[in-house]
Amino acid sequence: MKTWFITGASRGFGALIVERVLSKGDAVVATARNPQAVIDRFGAHPNLLAVALDVTDEKQAAAAAEAAIARFGRIDVLLNNAGFGLMGAVEEASAAEVEALYRTNVFGLLNVTRAVLPHMRKARSGRILNISSIGGYRAGAGFGVYSSTKFAVEGLSEALHHELAPLGIHVTVVEPGYFRTDFLDASSLSVSPTRISDYDGTAGKVRTVAAGLSHNQPGDPAKLAEVLVSFVEAPNPPVRLPLGSDTVAAIEQKHEADRAILAEWRPVSISTDFASGR
């Protein structure tokens, strides 16, 4: 029996994964700002521990990890799922909005990871799944600040992948595309109240498109949950796991664009080295 530690477990991907983990017979430490929401959804279960956790609180993260060890004795899988979005042009986002986003999406992930890693290192085993996004691989108008937090998650995950592999701990960054969850609703997505008309054709247009896309996204969240619950059994997991045809298409398009840049600018790119023999 594995023990999972899941942040943002009261709804969305987190809740769906909790459900499948319990049905599989594994144990779950399901964390949320309001753990009662977890209890209300799943009821009493011998393999479920609902814990209060605001990921931006480092002490609370450490206490949650200790509670997990006290109850189940180990943490085998950490799913860093808690996070939210911010829509608006980069210039439209206030300092307070940017800081709040980073506190949860980046610093919160770090708080929880630092709290759990000592236990995984002691066991010399574990899986860490960090939820990123299609926006963690390529940024676009209207989601620049949000994408920057997920770019940070990608970089941290790649480094952790290399640092922890010799210790028997596997790290994968998960890159979902647009899935039919409440991510584009007000409960998960903040919208910058500032509007600058110069961005009406770019970030402003994205605001309109996103409103029409909500709950019409192509991805099936139940299938994502099934994939991730099975994925932790993979003997050699990759450093990144794209999920959704839109993510696959976005990665392929970015690769093509980057190849074109290298083809056009290669002489300039390599011209900055010292001359041979120097």
C-alpha atoms as a PDB file:
ATOM      1  CA  MET A   1       0.000   0.000   0.000  1.00  0.00           C
ATOM      2  CA  LYS A   2       1.358   3.395  -1.016  1.00  0.00           C
ATOM      3  CA  THR A   3       0.742   6.606   0.894  1.00  0.00           C
ATOM      4  CA  TRP A   4      -0.046   9.684  -1.171  1.00  0.00           C
ATOM      5  CA  PHE A   5       0.273  13.285   0.018  1.00  0.00           C
ATOM      6  CA  ILE A   6      -1.900  15.529  -2.162  1.00  0.00           C
ATOM      7  CA  THR A   7      -2.243  19.298  -1.974  1.00  0.00           C
ATOM      8  CA  GLY A   8      -5.361  21.057  -3.224  1.00  0.00           C
ATOM      9  CA  ALA A   9      -7.303  17.853  -2.625  1.00  0.00           C
ATOM     10  CA  SER A  10     -10.801  19.200  -2.067  1.00  0.00           C
ATOM     11  CA  ARG A  11     -11.709  19.733  -5.728  1.00  0.00           C
ATOM     12  CA  GLY A  12     -10.505  19.526  -9.333  1.00  0.00           C
ATOM     13  CA  PHE A  13      -7.707  17.129 -10.233  1.00  0.00           C
ATOM     14  CA  GLY A  14      -6.802  16.687  -6.575  1.00  0.00           C
ATOM     15  CA  ALA A  15     -10.211  15.365  -5.534  1.00  0.00           C
ATOM     16  CA  LEU A  16     -10.473  13.052  -8.543  1.00  0.00           C
ATOM     17  CA  ILE A  17      -7.082  11.554  -7.762  1.00  0.00           C
ATOM     18  CA  VAL A  18      -7.961  11.124  -4.074  1.00  0.00           C
ATOM     19  CA  GLU A  19     -11.042   9.181  -5.151  1.00  0.00           C
ATOM     20  CA  ARG A  20      -9.078   6.839  -7.397  1.00  0.00           C
ATOM     21  CA  VAL A  21      -6.264   6.324  -4.921  1.00  0.00           C
ATOM     22  CA  LEU A  22      -8.744   5.293  -2.221  1.00  0.00           C
ATOM     23  CA  SER A  23     -10.563   2.938  -4.598  1.00  0.00           C
ATOM     24  CA  LYS A  24      -7.209   1.338  -5.410  1.00  0.00           C
ATOM     25  CA  GLY A  25      -6.617   0.636  -1.729  1.00  0.00           C
ATOM     26  CA  ASP A  26      -3.806   3.127  -1.155  1.00  0.00           C
ATOM     27  CA  ALA A  27      -3.703   5.667   1.665  1.00  0.00           C
ATOM     28  CA  VAL A  28      -4.112   9.400   1.113  1.00  0.00           C
ATOM     29  CA  VAL A  29      -3.172  12.445   3.110  1.00  0.00           C
ATOM     30  CA  ALA A  30      -5.563  14.904   1.467  1.00  0.00           C
ATOM     31  CA  THR A  31      -4.694  18.492   2.275  1.00  0.00           C
ATOM     32  CA  ALA A  32      -6.746  21.607   1.724  1.00  0.00           C
ATOM     33  CA  ARG A  33      -7.219  25.026   3.263  1.00  0.00           C
ATOM     34  CA  ASN A  34     -10.520  23.669   4.563  1.00  0.00           C
ATOM     35  CA  PRO A  35     -10.118  19.945   5.352  1.00  0.00           C
ATOM     36  CA  GLN A  36     -13.816  19.688   6.159  1.00  0.00           C
ATOM     37  CA  ALA A  37     -14.461  19.989   2.418  1.00  0.00           C
ATOM     38  CA  VAL A  38     -12.436  16.806   1.934  1.00  0.00           C
ATOM     39  CA  ILE A  39     -14.362  15.017   4.692  1.00  0.00           C
ATOM     40  CA  ASP A  40     -17.689  16.191   3.281  1.00  0.00           C
ATOM     41  CA  ARG A  41     -16.778  14.823  -0.139  1.00  0.00           C
ATOM     42  CA  PHE A  42     -15.246  11.483   0.834  1.00  0.00           C
ATOM     43  CA  GLY A  43     -16.623  10.773   4.311  1.00  0.00           C
ATOM     44  CA  ALA A  44     -14.801   8.763   6.943  1.00  0.00           C
ATOM     45  CA  HIS A  45     -12.322   6.294   5.469  1.00  0.00           C
ATOM     46  CA  PRO A  46      -9.589   4.331   7.258  1.00  0.00           C
ATOM     47  CA  ASN A  47      -7.094   5.173   4.497  1.00  0.00           C
ATOM     48  CA  LEU A  48      -7.885   8.892   4.412  1.00  0.00           C
ATOM     49  CA  LEU A  49      -6.380  11.646   6.539  1.00  0.00           C
ATOM     50  CA  ALA A  50      -7.724  15.132   5.846  1.00  0.00           C
ATOM     51  CA  VAL A  51      -5.267  17.812   6.947  1.00  0.00           C
ATOM     52  CA  ALA A  52      -5.501  21.598   6.984  1.00  0.00           C
ATOM     53  CA  LEU A  53      -2.810  23.095   4.792  1.00  0.00           C
ATOM     54  CA  ASP A  54      -2.282  26.524   3.329  1.00  0.00           C
ATOM     55  CA  VAL A  55       0.778  25.771   1.209  1.00  0.00           C
ATOM     56  CA  THR A  56       2.053  29.320   1.676  1.00  0.00           C
ATOM     57  CA  ASP A  57       2.571  28.551   5.391  1.00  0.00           C
ATOM     58  CA  GLU A  58       5.909  26.759   5.780  1.00  0.00           C
ATOM     59  CA  LYS A  59       5.251  25.688   9.377  1.00  0.00           C
ATOM     60  CA  GLN A  60       1.859  24.280   8.444  1.00  0.00           C
ATOM     61  CA  ALA A  61       3.463  22.315   5.605  1.00  0.00           C
ATOM     62  CA  ALA A  62       5.975  20.763   8.017  1.00  0.00           C
ATOM     63  CA  ALA A  63       3.180  19.911  10.473  1.00  0.00           C
ATOM     64  CA  ALA A  64       1.121  18.283   7.704  1.00  0.00           C
ATOM     65  CA  ALA A  65       4.065  16.097   6.668  1.00  0.00           C
ATOM     66  CA  GLU A  66       4.630  15.065  10.288  1.00  0.00           C
ATOM     67  CA  ALA A  67       0.922  14.212  10.635  1.00  0.00           C
ATOM     68  CA  ALA A  68       1.195  12.014   7.537  1.00  0.00           C
ATOM     69  CA  ILE A  69       4.164  10.122   8.976  1.00  0.00           C
ATOM     70  CA  ALA A  70       2.475   9.778  12.363  1.00  0.00           C
ATOM     71  CA  ARG A  71      -0.633   8.259  10.761  1.00  0.00           C
ATOM     72  CA  PHE A  72       0.781   6.106   7.949  1.00  0.00           C
ATOM     73  CA  GLY A  73       4.522   5.862   8.647  1.00  0.00           C
ATOM     74  CA  ARG A  74       5.683   6.977   5.197  1.00  0.00           C
ATOM     75  CA  ILE A  75       5.003   9.195   2.189  1.00  0.00           C
ATOM     76  CA  ASP A  76       5.472   7.411  -1.124  1.00  0.00           C
ATOM     77  CA  VAL A  77       3.924   9.899  -3.538  1.00  0.00           C
ATOM     78  CA  LEU A  78       3.816  13.685  -3.284  1.00  0.00           C
ATOM     79  CA  LEU A  79       1.392  15.362  -5.657  1.00  0.00           C
ATOM     80  CA  ASN A  80       1.949  19.127  -5.666  1.00  0.00           C
ATOM     81  CA  ASN A  81      -1.404  20.095  -7.124  1.00  0.00           C
ATOM     82  CA  ALA A  82      -2.425  23.283  -5.270  1.00  0.00           C
ATOM     83  CA  GLY A  83      -2.382  26.397  -7.414  1.00  0.00           C
ATOM     84  CA  PHE A  84      -4.468  28.968  -9.230  1.00  0.00           C
ATOM     85  CA  GLY A  85      -4.334  31.130 -12.330  1.00  0.00           C
ATOM     86  CA  LEU A  86      -4.180  34.806 -13.182  1.00  0.00           C
ATOM     87  CA  MET A  87      -5.490  36.200 -16.454  1.00  0.00           C
ATOM     88  CA  GLY A  88      -4.489  39.567 -17.850  1.00  0.00           C
ATOM     89  CA  ALA A  89      -1.626  41.212 -19.684  1.00  0.00           C
ATOM     90  CA  VAL A  90       1.690  41.287 -17.838  1.00  0.00           C
ATOM     91  CA  GLU A  91       1.492  45.071 -17.474  1.00  0.00           C
ATOM     92  CA  GLU A  92      -2.066  44.844 -16.174  1.00  0.00           C
ATOM     93  CA  ALA A  93      -1.113  42.612 -13.238  1.00  0.00           C
ATOM     94  CA  SER A  94      -0.473  44.450  -9.970  1.00  0.00           C
ATOM     95  CA  ALA A  95       2.465  43.667  -7.707  1.00  0.00           C
ATOM     96  CA  ALA A  96       0.054  42.227  -5.133  1.00  0.00           C
ATOM     97  CA  GLU A  97      -1.523  39.901  -7.721  1.00  0.00           C
ATOM     98  CA  VAL A  98       1.869  38.681  -8.897  1.00  0.00           C
ATOM     99  CA  GLU A  99       3.135  38.092  -5.369  1.00  0.00           C
ATOM    100  CA  ALA A 100       0.006  36.161  -4.367  1.00  0.00           C
ATOM    101  CA  LEU A 101       0.358  33.911  -7.413  1.00  0.00           C
ATOM    102  CA  TYR A 102       4.018  33.162  -6.700  1.00  0.00           C
ATOM    103  CA  ARG A 103       3.335  32.531  -3.007  1.00  0.00           C
ATOM    104  CA  THR A 104       1.014  29.656  -3.888  1.00  0.00           C
ATOM    105  CA  ASN A 105       2.243  28.297  -7.217  1.00  0.00           C
ATOM    106  CA  VAL A 106       5.992  28.463  -6.560  1.00  0.00           C
ATOM    107  CA  PHE A 107       6.833  29.165  -2.923  1.00  0.00           C
ATOM    108  CA  GLY A 108       3.979  26.940  -1.747  1.00  0.00           C
ATOM    109  CA  LEU A 109       5.228  24.047  -3.861  1.00  0.00           C
ATOM    110  CA  LEU A 110       8.702  24.581  -2.395  1.00  0.00           C
ATOM    111  CA  ASN A 111       7.348  24.656   1.169  1.00  0.00           C
ATOM    112  CA  VAL A 112       5.591  21.325   0.768  1.00  0.00           C
ATOM    113  CA  THR A 113       8.463  19.696  -1.121  1.00  0.00           C
ATOM    114  CA  ARG A 114      10.981  20.710   1.550  1.00  0.00           C
ATOM    115  CA  ALA A 115       8.651  19.334   4.231  1.00  0.00           C
ATOM    116  CA  VAL A 116       8.254  15.944   2.557  1.00  0.00           C
ATOM    117  CA  LEU A 117      11.745  15.333   1.152  1.00  0.00           C
ATOM    118  CA  PRO A 118      13.496  14.476   4.438  1.00  0.00           C
ATOM    119  CA  HIS A 119      11.107  11.534   4.854  1.00  0.00           C
ATOM    120  CA  MET A 120      11.599  10.362   1.266  1.00  0.00           C
ATOM    121  CA  ARG A 121      15.371  10.716   1.524  1.00  0.00           C
ATOM    122  CA  LYS A 122      15.370   8.654   4.698  1.00  0.00           C
ATOM    123  CA  ALA A 123      13.404   5.929   2.904  1.00  0.00           C
ATOM    124  CA  ARG A 124      15.546   6.290  -0.244  1.00  0.00           C
ATOM    125  CA  SER A 125      12.375   6.086  -2.330  1.00  0.00           C
ATOM    126  CA  GLY A 126       9.457   8.193  -3.486  1.00  0.00           C
ATOM    127  CA  ARG A 127       7.677   9.835  -6.384  1.00  0.00           C
ATOM    128  CA  ILE A 128       7.060  13.567  -6.749  1.00  0.00           C
ATOM    129  CA  LEU A 129       4.531  14.810  -9.291  1.00  0.00           C
ATOM    130  CA  ASN A 130       4.488  18.578  -9.773  1.00  0.00           C
ATOM    131  CA  ILE A 131       1.481  19.885 -11.651  1.00  0.00           C
ATOM    132  CA  SER A 132       2.540  22.426 -14.249  1.00  0.00           C
ATOM    133  CA  SER A 133       0.526  23.328 -17.344  1.00  0.00           C
ATOM    134  CA  ILE A 134       0.576  23.716 -21.089  1.00  0.00           C
ATOM    135  CA  GLY A 135       1.513  27.262 -20.054  1.00  0.00           C
ATOM    136  CA  GLY A 136       4.604  25.924 -18.314  1.00  0.00           C
ATOM    137  CA  TYR A 137       6.081  24.934 -21.675  1.00  0.00           C
ATOM    138  CA  ARG A 138       4.962  27.851 -23.784  1.00  0.00           C
ATOM    139  CA  ALA A 139       3.597  31.195 -22.672  1.00  0.00           C
ATOM    140  CA  GLY A 140       0.900  33.196 -24.404  1.00  0.00           C
ATOM    141  CA  ALA A 141      -0.822  36.554 -24.228  1.00  0.00           C
ATOM    142  CA  GLY A 142      -3.120  36.912 -21.246  1.00  0.00           C
ATOM    143  CA  PHE A 143      -1.438  34.272 -19.118  1.00  0.00           C
ATOM    144  CA  GLY A 144       2.099  35.650 -18.908  1.00  0.00           C
ATOM    145  CA  VAL A 145       2.421  35.905 -15.133  1.00  0.00           C
ATOM    146  CA  TYR A 146       0.705  32.567 -14.567  1.00  0.00           C
ATOM    147  CA  SER A 147       2.974  30.938 -17.162  1.00  0.00           C
ATOM    148  CA  SER A 148       6.021  32.405 -15.448  1.00  0.00           C
ATOM    149  CA  THR A 149       5.090  30.563 -12.243  1.00  0.00           C
ATOM    150  CA  LYS A 150       4.735  27.319 -14.152  1.00  0.00           C
ATOM    151  CA  PHE A 151       8.032  27.934 -15.972  1.00  0.00           C
ATOM    152  CA  ALA A 152       9.513  28.127 -12.465  1.00  0.00           C
ATOM    153  CA  VAL A 153       7.866  24.817 -11.554  1.00  0.00           C
ATOM    154  CA  GLU A 154       9.360  23.264 -14.696  1.00  0.00           C
ATOM    155  CA  GLY A 155      12.871  24.463 -13.828  1.00  0.00           C
ATOM    156  CA  LEU A 156      12.618  23.347 -10.211  1.00  0.00           C
ATOM    157  CA  SER A 157      11.301  19.955 -11.288  1.00  0.00           C
ATOM    158  CA  GLU A 158      14.095  19.381 -13.794  1.00  0.00           C
ATOM    159  CA  ALA A 159      16.723  20.223 -11.170  1.00  0.00           C
ATOM    160  CA  LEU A 160      15.035  18.046  -8.549  1.00  0.00           C
ATOM    161  CA  HIS A 161      14.871  15.212 -11.080  1.00  0.00           C
ATOM    162  CA  HIS A 162      18.670  15.228 -11.346  1.00  0.00           C
ATOM    163  CA  GLU A 163      19.329  15.874  -7.659  1.00  0.00           C
ATOM    164  CA  LEU A 164      17.041  13.146  -6.332  1.00  0.00           C
ATOM    165  CA  ALA A 165      17.437  10.339  -8.879  1.00  0.00           C
ATOM    166  CA  PRO A 166      20.603   8.998  -7.165  1.00  0.00           C
ATOM    167  CA  LEU A 167      18.583   8.805  -3.927  1.00  0.00           C
ATOM    168  CA  GLY A 168      15.851   6.630  -5.441  1.00  0.00           C
ATOM    169  CA  ILE A 169      13.327   9.472  -5.706  1.00  0.00           C
ATOM    170  CA  HIS A 170      11.731  10.149  -9.095  1.00  0.00           C
ATOM    171  CA  VAL A 171      10.440  13.617 -10.028  1.00  0.00           C
ATOM    172  CA  THR A 172       8.107  14.348 -12.925  1.00  0.00           C
ATOM    173  CA  VAL A 173       6.516  17.626 -13.946  1.00  0.00           C
ATOM    174  CA  VAL A 174       2.991  17.054 -15.310  1.00  0.00           C
ATOM    175  CA  GLU A 175       1.831  19.351 -18.116  1.00  0.00           C
ATOM    176  CA  PRO A 176      -1.948  19.250 -18.561  1.00  0.00           C
ATOM    177  CA  GLY A 177      -3.553  21.122 -21.406  1.00  0.00           C
ATOM    178  CA  TYR A 178      -7.075  22.493 -21.129  1.00  0.00           C
ATOM    179  CA  PHE A 179      -9.133  20.029 -19.106  1.00  0.00           C
ATOM    180  CA  ARG A 180     -12.818  20.335 -18.259  1.00  0.00           C
ATOM    181  CA  THR A 181     -12.393  21.423 -14.636  1.00  0.00           C
ATOM    182  CA  ASP A 182     -13.243  24.654 -12.848  1.00  0.00           C
ATOM    183  CA  PHE A 183      -9.823  26.160 -13.618  1.00  0.00           C
ATOM    184  CA  LEU A 184     -11.329  28.922 -15.773  1.00  0.00           C
ATOM    185  CA  ASP A 185     -13.964  29.711 -13.126  1.00  0.00           C
ATOM    186  CA  ALA A 186     -13.589  32.418 -10.502  1.00  0.00           C
ATOM    187  CA  SER A 187     -12.837  29.747  -7.875  1.00  0.00           C
ATOM    188  CA  SER A 188      -9.520  28.918  -9.554  1.00  0.00           C
ATOM    189  CA  LEU A 189      -8.734  31.833 -11.864  1.00  0.00           C
ATOM    190  CA  SER A 190      -8.183  35.426 -10.837  1.00  0.00           C
ATOM    191  CA  VAL A 191      -8.777  38.046 -13.502  1.00  0.00           C
ATOM    192  CA  SER A 192      -6.806  41.256 -13.305  1.00  0.00           C
ATOM    193  CA  PRO A 193      -9.316  44.109 -12.886  1.00  0.00           C
ATOM    194  CA  THR A 194      -7.035  46.528 -14.706  1.00  0.00           C
ATOM    195  CA  ARG A 195      -7.787  46.790 -18.430  1.00  0.00           C
ATOM    196  CA  ILE A 196      -5.480  48.588 -20.870  1.00  0.00           C
ATOM    197  CA  SER A 197      -7.073  49.116 -24.263  1.00  0.00           C
ATOM    198  CA  ASP A 198      -3.778  48.677 -26.120  1.00  0.00           C
ATOM    199  CA  TYR A 199      -3.995  44.972 -25.259  1.00  0.00           C
ATOM    200  CA  ASP A 200      -7.558  44.450 -26.534  1.00  0.00           C
ATOM    201  CA  GLY A 201      -6.315  42.457 -29.523  1.00  0.00           C
ATOM    202  CA  THR A 202      -4.033  40.170 -27.496  1.00  0.00           C
ATOM    203  CA  ALA A 203      -4.575  39.639 -23.763  1.00  0.00           C
ATOM    204  CA  GLY A 204      -8.008  41.246 -23.965  1.00  0.00           C
ATOM    205  CA  LYS A 205      -9.075  38.833 -26.673  1.00  0.00           C
ATOM    206  CA  VAL A 206      -7.886  35.918 -24.526  1.00  0.00           C
ATOM    207  CA  ARG A 207     -10.216  37.045 -21.731  1.00  0.00           C
ATOM    208  CA  THR A 208     -13.178  36.625 -24.091  1.00  0.00           C
ATOM    209  CA  VAL A 209     -12.002  33.306 -25.504  1.00  0.00           C
ATOM    210  CA  ALA A 210     -11.356  31.877 -22.022  1.00  0.00           C
ATOM    211  CA  ALA A 211     -14.882  32.726 -20.886  1.00  0.00           C
ATOM    212  CA  GLY A 212     -16.330  30.757 -23.798  1.00  0.00           C
ATOM    213  CA  LEU A 213     -13.950  27.834 -23.266  1.00  0.00           C
ATOM    214  CA  SER A 214     -14.835  27.261 -19.603  1.00  0.00           C
ATOM    215  CA  HIS A 215     -16.359  23.780 -19.194  1.00  0.00           C
ATOM    216  CA  ASN A 216     -15.892  23.161 -22.922  1.00  0.00           C
ATOM    217  CA  GLN A 217     -12.234  22.179 -22.699  1.00  0.00           C
ATOM    218  CA  PRO A 218     -11.127  19.083 -24.664  1.00  0.00           C
ATOM    219  CA  GLY A 219      -9.443  17.219 -21.798  1.00  0.00           C
ATOM    220  CA  ASP A 220     -11.258  14.657 -19.635  1.00  0.00           C
ATOM    221  CA  PRO A 221     -10.128  15.145 -16.004  1.00  0.00           C
ATOM    222  CA  ALA A 222     -11.229  11.626 -15.035  1.00  0.00           C
ATOM    223  CA  LYS A 223      -8.817  10.195 -17.611  1.00  0.00           C
ATOM    224  CA  LEU A 224      -6.010  12.398 -16.300  1.00  0.00           C
ATOM    225  CA  ALA A 225      -6.623  11.080 -12.787  1.00  0.00           C
ATOM    226  CA  GLU A 226      -6.524   7.494 -14.042  1.00  0.00           C
ATOM    227  CA  VAL A 227      -3.271   8.120 -15.902  1.00  0.00           C
ATOM    228  CA  LEU A 228      -1.514   9.662 -12.895  1.00  0.00           C
ATOM    229  CA  VAL A 229      -2.589   6.937 -10.464  1.00  0.00           C
ATOM    230  CA  SER A 230      -1.158   4.338 -12.862  1.00  0.00           C
ATOM    231  CA  PHE A 231       1.863   6.478 -13.735  1.00  0.00           C
ATOM    232  CA  VAL A 232       3.413   6.215 -10.267  1.00  0.00           C
ATOM    233  CA  GLU A 233       4.027   2.522 -10.999  1.00  0.00           C
ATOM    234  CA  ALA A 234       6.201   3.312 -14.043  1.00  0.00           C
ATOM    235  CA  PRO A 235       9.721   2.001 -13.319  1.00  0.00           C
ATOM    236  CA  ASN A 236      11.524   4.753 -15.244  1.00  0.00           C
ATOM    237  CA  PRO A 237       9.253   7.813 -15.257  1.00  0.00           C
ATOM    238  CA  PRO A 238      10.185  10.731 -17.542  1.00  0.00           C
ATOM    239  CA  VAL A 239      11.123  14.162 -16.266  1.00  0.00           C
ATOM    240  CA  ARG A 240       7.996  15.615 -17.896  1.00  0.00           C
ATOM    241  CA  LEU A 241       4.615  14.153 -18.762  1.00  0.00           C
ATOM    242  CA  PRO A 242       2.513  16.133 -21.276  1.00  0.00           C
ATOM    243  CA  LEU A 243      -1.200  15.334 -21.037  1.00  0.00           C
ATOM    244  CA  GLY A 244      -3.753  16.363 -23.649  1.00  0.00           C
ATOM    245  CA  SER A 245      -3.603  16.627 -27.422  1.00  0.00           C
ATOM    246  CA  ASP A 246      -3.413  20.417 -27.110  1.00  0.00           C
ATOM    247  CA  THR A 247      -0.279  20.176 -24.973  1.00  0.00           C
ATOM    248  CA  VAL A 248       1.318  17.782 -27.462  1.00  0.00           C
ATOM    249  CA  ALA A 249       0.496  20.177 -30.326  1.00  0.00           C
ATOM    250  CA  ALA A 250       1.847  23.179 -28.388  1.00  0.00           C
ATOM    251  CA  ILE A 251       5.137  21.412 -27.644  1.00  0.00           C
ATOM    252  CA  GLU A 252       5.534  20.352 -31.262  1.00  0.00           C
ATOM    253  CA  GLN A 253       4.826  23.908 -32.473  1.00  0.00           C
ATOM    254  CA  LYS A 254       7.342  25.389 -30.052  1.00  0.00           C
ATOM    255  CA  HIS A 255       9.996  22.885 -31.128  1.00  0.00           C
ATOM    256  CA  GLU A 256       9.437  23.871 -34.755  1.00  0.00           C
ATOM    257  CA  ALA A 257       9.616  27.586 -33.906  1.00  0.00           C
ATOM    258  CA  ASP A 258      12.826  27.093 -31.915  1.00  0.00           C
ATOM    259  CA  ARG A 259      14.382  25.065 -34.745  1.00  0.00           C
ATOM    260  CA  ALA A 260      13.591  27.928 -37.122  1.00  0.00           C
ATOM    261  CA  ILE A 261      15.241  30.431 -34.764  1.00  0.00           C
ATOM    262  CA  LEU A 262      18.389  28.323 -34.550  1.00  0.00           C
ATOM    263  CA  ALA A 263      18.499  27.863 -38.314  1.00  0.00           C
ATOM    264  CA  GLU A 264      18.238  31.608 -38.960  1.00  0.00           C
ATOM    265  CA  TRP A 265      20.376  32.896 -36.113  1.00  0.00           C
ATOM    266  CA  ARG A 266      22.990  30.139 -35.658  1.00  0.00           C
ATOM    267  CA  PRO A 267      25.912  32.237 -36.966  1.00  0.00           C
ATOM    268  CA  VAL A 268      25.088  35.014 -34.512  1.00  0.00           C
ATOM    269  CA  SER A 269      24.424  32.581 -31.673  1.00  0.00           C
ATOM    270  CA  ILE A 270      27.814  30.882 -31.933  1.00  0.00           C
ATOM    271  CA  SER A 271      29.745  34.077 -32.754  1.00  0.00           C
ATOM    272  CA  THR A 272      30.046  35.060 -29.093  1.00  0.00           C
ATOM    273  CA  ASP A 273      32.530  32.299 -28.170  1.00  0.00           C
ATOM    274  CA  PHE A 274      36.237  33.053 -27.806  1.00  0.00           C
ATOM    275  CA  ALA A 275      38.144  32.475 -31.047  1.00  0.00           C
ATOM    276  CA  SER A 276      39.587  28.979 -31.402  1.00  0.00           C
ATOM    277  CA  GLY A 277      42.832  28.601 -29.531  1.00  0.00           C
ATOM    278  CA  ARG A 278      42.242  31.483 -27.145  1.00  0.00           C
END
